[in-house]
Amino acid sequence: TVDGPSMKDWRGGRAASFNIIPSSTGAAKAVGKVLPALNGKLTGMSFRVPTVDVSVVDLTVRLEKAATYDEIKKAIKEESEGKLKGILGYTEDDVVSTDFVGDNRSSIFDAKA
């Protein structure tokens, strides 16, 4: 819980209920440890936003071969229903952050975002 100014993280101590606060995340480094083939190929940042729970990732990738967004969505949906079922979710619903509170999956791909 951050409830006041910090000399280490000035932004983090600023009125979180009124601001979107850019921050760092260890998620990209963690992916590299879990999937060694991706080590050093990812970077990331996070935004602290006034939500009850959940977080968001805006993932940008460079593909080895061309693919349309529909092809990418299809591949992600297939994985979410196959070997990553229960870990990766997929939705085309008009969702907001509170729709994911209590969801046990690690990540949900929002096809409309």
N, C-alpha and C. Protein backbone atom coordinates (compact mmCIF):
# COMPACT_ATOMS: atom_id res chain seq x y z
N THR A 1 0.85 -1.18 0.00
CA THR A 1 0.00 0.00 0.00
C THR A 1 0.88 1.23 0.00
N VAL A 2 0.61 2.12 -0.90
CA VAL A 2 1.34 3.39 -0.97
C VAL A 2 0.42 4.47 -0.45
N ASP A 3 0.83 5.13 0.63
CA ASP A 3 -0.05 6.15 1.21
C ASP A 3 0.65 7.48 1.44
N GLY A 4 1.79 7.67 0.81
CA GLY A 4 2.50 8.93 0.96
C GLY A 4 3.68 9.02 0.03
N PRO A 5 4.30 10.20 -0.03
CA PRO A 5 5.44 10.41 -0.92
C PRO A 5 6.60 9.47 -0.59
N SER A 6 7.33 9.08 -1.61
CA SER A 6 8.49 8.22 -1.45
C SER A 6 9.65 8.84 -2.21
N MET A 7 10.81 8.90 -1.59
CA MET A 7 11.98 9.44 -2.28
C MET A 7 12.42 8.49 -3.38
N LYS A 8 12.12 7.20 -3.24
CA LYS A 8 12.50 6.20 -4.23
C LYS A 8 11.54 6.23 -5.42
N ASP A 9 10.26 6.40 -5.15
CA ASP A 9 9.24 6.36 -6.20
C ASP A 9 8.28 7.53 -6.01
N TRP A 10 8.68 8.70 -6.47
CA TRP A 10 7.88 9.91 -6.30
C TRP A 10 6.50 9.75 -6.91
N ARG A 11 6.42 9.19 -8.11
CA ARG A 11 5.13 9.04 -8.78
C ARG A 11 4.19 8.13 -7.99
N GLY A 12 4.75 7.05 -7.43
CA GLY A 12 3.94 6.07 -6.73
C GLY A 12 3.21 6.62 -5.52
N GLY A 13 3.69 7.70 -4.94
CA GLY A 13 3.05 8.28 -3.77
C GLY A 13 2.08 9.40 -4.09
N ARG A 14 1.76 9.60 -5.35
CA ARG A 14 0.90 10.70 -5.76
C ARG A 14 -0.53 10.23 -5.95
N ALA A 15 -1.48 10.71 -5.24
CA ALA A 15 -2.93 10.51 -5.37
C ALA A 15 -3.34 9.46 -6.39
N ALA A 16 -3.17 8.21 -6.04
CA ALA A 16 -3.48 7.11 -6.95
C ALA A 16 -4.95 7.06 -7.33
N SER A 17 -5.82 7.62 -6.52
CA SER A 17 -7.25 7.59 -6.85
C SER A 17 -7.61 8.61 -7.92
N PHE A 18 -6.67 9.47 -8.28
CA PHE A 18 -6.95 10.50 -9.28
C PHE A 18 -6.02 10.46 -10.48
N ASN A 19 -5.02 9.59 -10.47
CA ASN A 19 -3.99 9.61 -11.51
C ASN A 19 -3.74 8.23 -12.11
N ILE A 20 -3.30 8.22 -13.35
CA ILE A 20 -2.71 7.04 -13.96
C ILE A 20 -1.21 7.24 -13.77
N ILE A 21 -0.56 6.31 -13.08
CA ILE A 21 0.83 6.47 -12.69
C ILE A 21 1.71 5.48 -13.45
N PRO A 22 2.60 5.96 -14.35
CA PRO A 22 3.53 5.06 -15.03
C PRO A 22 4.47 4.42 -14.01
N SER A 23 4.75 3.15 -14.19
CA SER A 23 5.60 2.43 -13.25
C SER A 23 6.38 1.36 -13.98
N SER A 24 7.21 0.64 -13.26
CA SER A 24 7.95 -0.46 -13.86
C SER A 24 7.29 -1.77 -13.47
N THR A 25 7.65 -2.83 -14.17
CA THR A 25 7.12 -4.14 -13.86
C THR A 25 8.19 -5.19 -14.10
N GLY A 26 8.19 -6.21 -13.30
CA GLY A 26 9.12 -7.32 -13.50
C GLY A 26 8.54 -8.41 -14.38
N ALA A 27 7.35 -8.18 -14.91
CA ALA A 27 6.66 -9.21 -15.69
C ALA A 27 7.46 -9.64 -16.92
N ALA A 28 8.01 -8.70 -17.66
CA ALA A 28 8.76 -9.04 -18.87
C ALA A 28 9.98 -9.89 -18.52
N LYS A 29 10.67 -9.55 -17.45
CA LYS A 29 11.83 -10.35 -17.02
C LYS A 29 11.39 -11.74 -16.59
N ALA A 30 10.25 -11.82 -15.92
CA ALA A 30 9.74 -13.11 -15.46
C ALA A 30 9.40 -14.01 -16.63
N VAL A 31 8.83 -13.44 -17.70
CA VAL A 31 8.52 -14.23 -18.89
C VAL A 31 9.79 -14.85 -19.45
N GLY A 32 10.87 -14.07 -19.49
CA GLY A 32 12.15 -14.57 -19.99
C GLY A 32 12.71 -15.71 -19.16
N LYS A 33 12.40 -15.73 -17.88
CA LYS A 33 12.85 -16.82 -17.02
C LYS A 33 12.02 -18.08 -17.24
N VAL A 34 10.73 -17.89 -17.47
CA VAL A 34 9.83 -19.03 -17.68
C VAL A 34 9.96 -19.58 -19.09
N LEU A 35 10.12 -18.68 -20.06
CA LEU A 35 10.27 -19.06 -21.47
C LEU A 35 11.63 -18.55 -21.95
N PRO A 36 12.70 -19.33 -21.75
CA PRO A 36 14.05 -18.87 -22.07
C PRO A 36 14.23 -18.37 -23.50
N ALA A 37 13.47 -18.88 -24.45
CA ALA A 37 13.58 -18.43 -25.84
C ALA A 37 13.21 -16.96 -25.97
N LEU A 38 12.46 -16.42 -25.01
CA LEU A 38 12.05 -15.01 -25.05
C LEU A 38 12.92 -14.12 -24.18
N ASN A 39 13.91 -14.71 -23.51
CA ASN A 39 14.77 -13.94 -22.61
C ASN A 39 15.48 -12.81 -23.36
N GLY A 40 15.35 -11.60 -22.87
CA GLY A 40 15.98 -10.45 -23.49
C GLY A 40 15.23 -9.89 -24.68
N LYS A 41 14.11 -10.51 -25.05
CA LYS A 41 13.35 -10.06 -26.21
C LYS A 41 12.11 -9.27 -25.83
N LEU A 42 11.84 -9.16 -24.54
CA LEU A 42 10.65 -8.46 -24.07
C LEU A 42 11.04 -7.31 -23.15
N THR A 43 10.25 -6.31 -23.17
CA THR A 43 10.36 -5.24 -22.19
C THR A 43 8.94 -4.84 -21.81
N GLY A 44 8.78 -4.13 -20.75
CA GLY A 44 7.42 -3.77 -20.37
C GLY A 44 7.39 -2.66 -19.35
N MET A 45 6.22 -2.13 -19.19
CA MET A 45 5.97 -1.13 -18.16
C MET A 45 4.56 -1.35 -17.65
N SER A 46 4.25 -0.74 -16.56
CA SER A 46 2.90 -0.87 -16.02
C SER A 46 2.35 0.52 -15.73
N PHE A 47 1.05 0.56 -15.56
CA PHE A 47 0.37 1.78 -15.18
C PHE A 47 -0.43 1.48 -13.93
N ARG A 48 -0.24 2.26 -12.91
CA ARG A 48 -1.06 2.15 -11.71
C ARG A 48 -2.31 2.99 -11.96
N VAL A 49 -3.45 2.33 -11.92
CA VAL A 49 -4.72 3.02 -12.16
C VAL A 49 -5.66 2.72 -11.01
N PRO A 50 -6.61 3.61 -10.75
CA PRO A 50 -7.52 3.40 -9.62
C PRO A 50 -8.59 2.34 -9.93
N THR A 51 -8.20 1.06 -9.81
CA THR A 51 -9.14 -0.04 -9.99
C THR A 51 -9.14 -0.88 -8.72
N VAL A 52 -10.22 -1.61 -8.52
CA VAL A 52 -10.34 -2.47 -7.35
C VAL A 52 -9.33 -3.61 -7.42
N ASP A 53 -9.16 -4.17 -8.60
CA ASP A 53 -8.30 -5.33 -8.80
C ASP A 53 -7.98 -5.41 -10.29
N VAL A 54 -7.23 -6.35 -10.69
CA VAL A 54 -6.79 -6.65 -12.06
C VAL A 54 -5.79 -5.62 -12.58
N SER A 55 -5.17 -5.96 -13.69
CA SER A 55 -4.22 -5.07 -14.35
C SER A 55 -4.34 -5.27 -15.86
N VAL A 56 -3.63 -4.45 -16.61
CA VAL A 56 -3.72 -4.52 -18.06
C VAL A 56 -2.31 -4.58 -18.64
N VAL A 57 -2.18 -5.30 -19.75
CA VAL A 57 -0.93 -5.36 -20.50
C VAL A 57 -1.24 -4.95 -21.92
N ASP A 58 -0.48 -4.00 -22.43
CA ASP A 58 -0.56 -3.62 -23.83
C ASP A 58 0.66 -4.22 -24.49
N LEU A 59 0.48 -5.35 -25.16
CA LEU A 59 1.59 -6.11 -25.71
C LEU A 59 1.79 -5.77 -27.18
N THR A 60 2.99 -5.37 -27.52
CA THR A 60 3.36 -5.09 -28.90
C THR A 60 4.45 -6.07 -29.29
N VAL A 61 4.27 -6.73 -30.42
CA VAL A 61 5.24 -7.73 -30.86
C VAL A 61 5.65 -7.49 -32.30
N ARG A 62 6.82 -7.97 -32.64
CA ARG A 62 7.29 -7.97 -34.03
C ARG A 62 7.30 -9.43 -34.47
N LEU A 63 6.50 -9.76 -35.46
CA LEU A 63 6.37 -11.14 -35.91
C LEU A 63 7.42 -11.47 -36.96
N GLU A 64 7.80 -12.74 -37.02
CA GLU A 64 8.76 -13.18 -38.03
C GLU A 64 8.13 -13.22 -39.41
N LYS A 65 6.82 -13.49 -39.47
CA LYS A 65 6.13 -13.48 -40.76
C LYS A 65 4.83 -12.69 -40.62
N ALA A 66 4.37 -12.16 -41.73
CA ALA A 66 3.17 -11.32 -41.72
C ALA A 66 1.94 -12.11 -41.25
N ALA A 67 1.07 -11.43 -40.52
CA ALA A 67 -0.18 -12.03 -40.05
C ALA A 67 -1.21 -10.92 -39.88
N THR A 68 -2.45 -11.24 -40.21
CA THR A 68 -3.53 -10.28 -39.99
C THR A 68 -3.98 -10.36 -38.54
N TYR A 69 -4.70 -9.34 -38.10
CA TYR A 69 -5.21 -9.36 -36.74
C TYR A 69 -6.19 -10.52 -36.55
N ASP A 70 -6.99 -10.82 -37.56
CA ASP A 70 -7.91 -11.96 -37.47
C ASP A 70 -7.16 -13.27 -37.30
N GLU A 71 -6.02 -13.43 -37.97
CA GLU A 71 -5.22 -14.65 -37.82
C GLU A 71 -4.63 -14.74 -36.41
N ILE A 72 -4.20 -13.61 -35.89
CA ILE A 72 -3.66 -13.59 -34.52
C ILE A 72 -4.75 -13.94 -33.52
N LYS A 73 -5.93 -13.33 -33.67
CA LYS A 73 -7.05 -13.63 -32.77
C LYS A 73 -7.40 -15.11 -32.82
N LYS A 74 -7.44 -15.67 -34.03
CA LYS A 74 -7.79 -17.09 -34.20
C LYS A 74 -6.78 -17.98 -33.46
N ALA A 75 -5.50 -17.68 -33.61
CA ALA A 75 -4.46 -18.49 -32.95
C ALA A 75 -4.58 -18.39 -31.43
N ILE A 76 -4.81 -17.19 -30.93
CA ILE A 76 -4.93 -17.02 -29.48
C ILE A 76 -6.18 -17.72 -28.96
N LYS A 77 -7.28 -17.60 -29.69
CA LYS A 77 -8.52 -18.27 -29.26
C LYS A 77 -8.33 -19.79 -29.23
N GLU A 78 -7.67 -20.34 -30.25
CA GLU A 78 -7.44 -21.79 -30.29
C GLU A 78 -6.59 -22.24 -29.10
N GLU A 79 -5.54 -21.49 -28.78
CA GLU A 79 -4.70 -21.84 -27.63
C GLU A 79 -5.48 -21.73 -26.32
N SER A 80 -6.37 -20.73 -26.23
CA SER A 80 -7.15 -20.55 -25.00
C SER A 80 -8.15 -21.67 -24.79
N GLU A 81 -8.51 -22.36 -25.86
CA GLU A 81 -9.44 -23.48 -25.77
C GLU A 81 -8.70 -24.82 -25.77
N GLY A 82 -7.40 -24.79 -26.04
CA GLY A 82 -6.59 -26.00 -26.11
C GLY A 82 -5.67 -26.14 -24.93
N LYS A 83 -4.36 -26.20 -25.23
CA LYS A 83 -3.38 -26.49 -24.17
C LYS A 83 -3.25 -25.40 -23.11
N LEU A 84 -3.73 -24.17 -23.39
CA LEU A 84 -3.67 -23.10 -22.40
C LEU A 84 -5.02 -22.83 -21.73
N LYS A 85 -5.96 -23.74 -21.92
CA LYS A 85 -7.28 -23.58 -21.29
C LYS A 85 -7.11 -23.49 -19.78
N GLY A 86 -7.78 -22.51 -19.19
CA GLY A 86 -7.68 -22.29 -17.75
C GLY A 86 -6.55 -21.35 -17.37
N ILE A 87 -5.66 -21.07 -18.31
CA ILE A 87 -4.55 -20.15 -18.08
C ILE A 87 -4.75 -18.88 -18.91
N LEU A 88 -5.01 -19.07 -20.19
CA LEU A 88 -5.23 -17.96 -21.11
C LEU A 88 -6.71 -17.91 -21.48
N GLY A 89 -7.31 -16.76 -21.35
CA GLY A 89 -8.70 -16.57 -21.74
C GLY A 89 -8.79 -15.76 -23.02
N TYR A 90 -9.95 -15.76 -23.62
CA TYR A 90 -10.20 -15.01 -24.85
C TYR A 90 -11.62 -14.47 -24.77
N THR A 91 -11.80 -13.20 -25.10
CA THR A 91 -13.15 -12.64 -25.11
C THR A 91 -13.33 -11.65 -26.24
N GLU A 92 -14.53 -11.62 -26.76
CA GLU A 92 -14.94 -10.60 -27.73
C GLU A 92 -16.09 -9.78 -27.15
N ASP A 93 -16.35 -9.97 -25.85
CA ASP A 93 -17.40 -9.21 -25.16
C ASP A 93 -16.92 -7.79 -24.88
N ASP A 94 -17.86 -6.88 -24.64
CA ASP A 94 -17.53 -5.50 -24.27
C ASP A 94 -17.28 -5.46 -22.76
N VAL A 95 -16.06 -5.79 -22.36
CA VAL A 95 -15.73 -5.93 -20.94
C VAL A 95 -14.99 -4.70 -20.40
N VAL A 96 -15.04 -4.56 -19.07
CA VAL A 96 -14.26 -3.56 -18.35
C VAL A 96 -13.52 -4.28 -17.22
N SER A 97 -12.64 -3.59 -16.54
CA SER A 97 -11.76 -4.23 -15.57
C SER A 97 -12.49 -5.04 -14.50
N THR A 98 -13.61 -4.55 -13.98
CA THR A 98 -14.30 -5.29 -12.91
C THR A 98 -14.89 -6.60 -13.39
N ASP A 99 -15.04 -6.79 -14.69
CA ASP A 99 -15.53 -8.06 -15.22
C ASP A 99 -14.54 -9.20 -14.97
N PHE A 100 -13.28 -8.86 -14.68
CA PHE A 100 -12.26 -9.88 -14.50
C PHE A 100 -11.95 -10.18 -13.04
N VAL A 101 -12.54 -9.44 -12.12
CA VAL A 101 -12.32 -9.70 -10.70
C VAL A 101 -12.80 -11.11 -10.38
N GLY A 102 -11.95 -11.91 -9.77
CA GLY A 102 -12.30 -13.28 -9.43
C GLY A 102 -12.01 -14.29 -10.52
N ASP A 103 -11.57 -13.85 -11.69
CA ASP A 103 -11.23 -14.76 -12.78
C ASP A 103 -9.89 -15.41 -12.45
N ASN A 104 -9.84 -16.73 -12.48
CA ASN A 104 -8.63 -17.46 -12.09
C ASN A 104 -7.58 -17.56 -13.18
N ARG A 105 -7.93 -17.21 -14.41
CA ARG A 105 -6.96 -17.32 -15.50
C ARG A 105 -5.87 -16.26 -15.36
N SER A 106 -4.68 -16.57 -15.81
CA SER A 106 -3.54 -15.65 -15.69
C SER A 106 -3.67 -14.45 -16.61
N SER A 107 -4.28 -14.64 -17.77
CA SER A 107 -4.39 -13.57 -18.75
C SER A 107 -5.62 -13.79 -19.61
N ILE A 108 -6.27 -12.71 -19.98
CA ILE A 108 -7.43 -12.77 -20.87
C ILE A 108 -7.16 -11.84 -22.04
N PHE A 109 -7.21 -12.36 -23.23
CA PHE A 109 -7.02 -11.57 -24.45
C PHE A 109 -8.34 -10.92 -24.81
N ASP A 110 -8.38 -9.61 -24.83
CA ASP A 110 -9.58 -8.84 -25.18
C ASP A 110 -9.48 -8.48 -26.65
N ALA A 111 -10.18 -9.23 -27.49
CA ALA A 111 -10.07 -9.07 -28.94
C ALA A 111 -10.56 -7.72 -29.43
N LYS A 112 -11.40 -7.05 -28.65
CA LYS A 112 -11.93 -5.75 -29.07
C LYS A 112 -11.11 -4.57 -28.56
N ALA A 113 -10.16 -4.81 -27.70
CA ALA A 113 -9.38 -3.70 -27.11
C ALA A 113 -8.44 -3.09 -28.13
